[in-house]
Amino acid sequence: MASKYNDSLFPTDSCYICKTEIDLVRHEIFHGSRRDASKEWGCWVTLCPRCHMEIHNNPAKDRWLQTEAQQLAMEAHRWTEEDFRYVFG
């Protein structure tokens, strides 16, 4: 059973990167086996299709977004780095 999306730690009214408000899609910041944890802990953003493709094709930008999410998650949930690693690996 797939997990539901909990509220994002990020603003969701526009693309997180370019700020457009058109054709937004959800992007789980920690993907693969950590996709459900991203949904559960709010580590997802809304992106326009262009920025979504850019994240998937640019490892440096993907890592930047993961760093942003880690910082927000640690602040929001009052986690240590160890706590974060426990949840996201």
C-alpha atoms as a PDB file:
ATOM      1  CA  MET A   1       0.000   0.000   0.000  1.00  0.00           C
ATOM      2  CA  ALA A   2       1.455   3.374  -1.015  1.00  0.00           C
ATOM      3  CA  SER A   3       1.737   6.024   1.643  1.00  0.00           C
ATOM      4  CA  LYS A   4      -0.291   9.209   1.395  1.00  0.00           C
ATOM      5  CA  TYR A   5       1.212  12.646   1.021  1.00  0.00           C
ATOM      6  CA  ASN A   6       1.461  14.549   4.286  1.00  0.00           C
ATOM      7  CA  ASP A   7       1.861  18.324   4.190  1.00  0.00           C
ATOM      8  CA  SER A   8       5.047  19.421   2.489  1.00  0.00           C
ATOM      9  CA  LEU A   9       7.775  21.229   4.393  1.00  0.00           C
ATOM     10  CA  PHE A  10       8.078  23.444   1.298  1.00  0.00           C
ATOM     11  CA  PRO A  11       5.666  26.044  -0.125  1.00  0.00           C
ATOM     12  CA  THR A  12       3.404  24.284  -2.632  1.00  0.00           C
ATOM     13  CA  ASP A  13       1.532  27.107  -4.368  1.00  0.00           C
ATOM     14  CA  SER A  14       4.157  27.450  -7.129  1.00  0.00           C
ATOM     15  CA  CYS A  15       7.190  25.697  -8.595  1.00  0.00           C
ATOM     16  CA  TYR A  16       9.844  25.671  -5.876  1.00  0.00           C
ATOM     17  CA  ILE A  17      12.559  26.581  -8.378  1.00  0.00           C
ATOM     18  CA  CYS A  18      11.131  28.978 -10.981  1.00  0.00           C
ATOM     19  CA  LYS A  19       7.961  30.053  -9.115  1.00  0.00           C
ATOM     20  CA  THR A  20       5.549  29.407 -12.005  1.00  0.00           C
ATOM     21  CA  GLU A  21       2.055  28.336 -10.938  1.00  0.00           C
ATOM     22  CA  ILE A  22       1.208  26.334 -14.075  1.00  0.00           C
ATOM     23  CA  ASP A  23       1.043  22.533 -14.498  1.00  0.00           C
ATOM     24  CA  LEU A  24       2.623  21.710 -11.140  1.00  0.00           C
ATOM     25  CA  VAL A  25       3.607  18.146 -10.283  1.00  0.00           C
ATOM     26  CA  ARG A  26       4.764  16.604  -7.021  1.00  0.00           C
ATOM     27  CA  HIS A  27       8.380  15.544  -6.703  1.00  0.00           C
ATOM     28  CA  GLU A  28       9.493  13.306  -3.862  1.00  0.00           C
ATOM     29  CA  ILE A  29      12.903  14.657  -2.911  1.00  0.00           C
ATOM     30  CA  PHE A  30      14.225  11.363  -1.596  1.00  0.00           C
ATOM     31  CA  HIS A  31      13.317   8.821  -4.231  1.00  0.00           C
ATOM     32  CA  GLY A  32      13.672   5.123  -4.827  1.00  0.00           C
ATOM     33  CA  SER A  33      13.285   3.141  -1.623  1.00  0.00           C
ATOM     34  CA  ARG A  34      12.916   6.424   0.309  1.00  0.00           C
ATOM     35  CA  ARG A  35       9.940   7.711  -1.706  1.00  0.00           C
ATOM     36  CA  ASP A  36       7.352   6.729   0.925  1.00  0.00           C
ATOM     37  CA  ALA A  37       9.408   8.391   3.671  1.00  0.00           C
ATOM     38  CA  SER A  38       9.477  11.580   1.566  1.00  0.00           C
ATOM     39  CA  LYS A  39       5.687  11.534   1.384  1.00  0.00           C
ATOM     40  CA  GLU A  40       5.275  10.739   5.066  1.00  0.00           C
ATOM     41  CA  TRP A  41       7.714  13.346   6.406  1.00  0.00           C
ATOM     42  CA  GLY A  42       6.855  16.207   4.030  1.00  0.00           C
ATOM     43  CA  CYS A  43       9.979  16.009   1.893  1.00  0.00           C
ATOM     44  CA  TRP A  44       8.308  16.761  -1.414  1.00  0.00           C
ATOM     45  CA  VAL A  45       7.950  19.865  -3.542  1.00  0.00           C
ATOM     46  CA  THR A  46       5.802  21.073  -6.384  1.00  0.00           C
ATOM     47  CA  LEU A  47       7.677  21.670  -9.618  1.00  0.00           C
ATOM     48  CA  CYS A  48       6.737  22.692 -13.125  1.00  0.00           C
ATOM     49  CA  PRO A  49       7.478  20.038 -15.772  1.00  0.00           C
ATOM     50  CA  ARG A  50      10.639  21.843 -16.971  1.00  0.00           C
ATOM     51  CA  CYS A  51      12.164  22.093 -13.489  1.00  0.00           C
ATOM     52  CA  HIS A  52      11.054  18.546 -12.667  1.00  0.00           C
ATOM     53  CA  MET A  53      12.944  17.223 -15.694  1.00  0.00           C
ATOM     54  CA  GLU A  54      15.946  19.363 -14.754  1.00  0.00           C
ATOM     55  CA  ILE A  55      16.055  17.851 -11.238  1.00  0.00           C
ATOM     56  CA  HIS A  56      15.947  14.334 -12.679  1.00  0.00           C
ATOM     57  CA  ASN A  57      18.720  15.101 -15.179  1.00  0.00           C
ATOM     58  CA  ASN A  58      21.036  17.166 -12.983  1.00  0.00           C
ATOM     59  CA  PRO A  59      22.578  15.265 -10.029  1.00  0.00           C
ATOM     60  CA  ALA A  60      23.999  18.465  -8.520  1.00  0.00           C
ATOM     61  CA  LYS A  61      20.587  20.142  -8.484  1.00  0.00           C
ATOM     62  CA  ASP A  62      18.994  16.966  -7.086  1.00  0.00           C
ATOM     63  CA  ARG A  63      21.566  16.936  -4.280  1.00  0.00           C
ATOM     64  CA  TRP A  64      20.937  20.663  -3.609  1.00  0.00           C
ATOM     65  CA  LEU A  65      17.235  19.938  -3.170  1.00  0.00           C
ATOM     66  CA  GLN A  66      18.012  16.998  -0.873  1.00  0.00           C
ATOM     67  CA  THR A  67      20.208  19.258   1.275  1.00  0.00           C
ATOM     68  CA  GLU A  68      17.395  21.814   1.488  1.00  0.00           C
ATOM     69  CA  ALA A  69      14.955  19.076   2.512  1.00  0.00           C
ATOM     70  CA  GLN A  70      17.312  17.656   5.121  1.00  0.00           C
ATOM     71  CA  GLN A  71      17.718  21.056   6.762  1.00  0.00           C
ATOM     72  CA  LEU A  72      13.975  21.727   6.778  1.00  0.00           C
ATOM     73  CA  ALA A  73      13.144  18.239   8.072  1.00  0.00           C
ATOM     74  CA  MET A  74      15.697  18.448  10.868  1.00  0.00           C
ATOM     75  CA  GLU A  75      14.316  21.842  11.943  1.00  0.00           C
ATOM     76  CA  ALA A  76      10.626  20.903  11.613  1.00  0.00           C
ATOM     77  CA  HIS A  77      10.933  17.565  13.402  1.00  0.00           C
ATOM     78  CA  ARG A  78      13.716  18.604  15.781  1.00  0.00           C
ATOM     79  CA  TRP A  79      15.918  15.810  14.507  1.00  0.00           C
ATOM     80  CA  THR A  80      19.632  15.315  14.859  1.00  0.00           C
ATOM     81  CA  GLU A  81      21.603  14.135  11.834  1.00  0.00           C
ATOM     82  CA  GLU A  82      21.417  10.644  13.321  1.00  0.00           C
ATOM     83  CA  ASP A  83      17.610  10.889  13.490  1.00  0.00           C
ATOM     84  CA  PHE A  84      17.526  12.007   9.864  1.00  0.00           C
ATOM     85  CA  ARG A  85      19.752   9.126   8.745  1.00  0.00           C
ATOM     86  CA  TYR A  86      17.550   6.682  10.641  1.00  0.00           C
ATOM     87  CA  VAL A  87      14.514   7.782   8.612  1.00  0.00           C
ATOM     88  CA  PHE A  88      16.139   8.386   5.211  1.00  0.00           C
ATOM     89  CA  GLY A  89      19.255   6.234   5.283  1.00  0.00           C
END
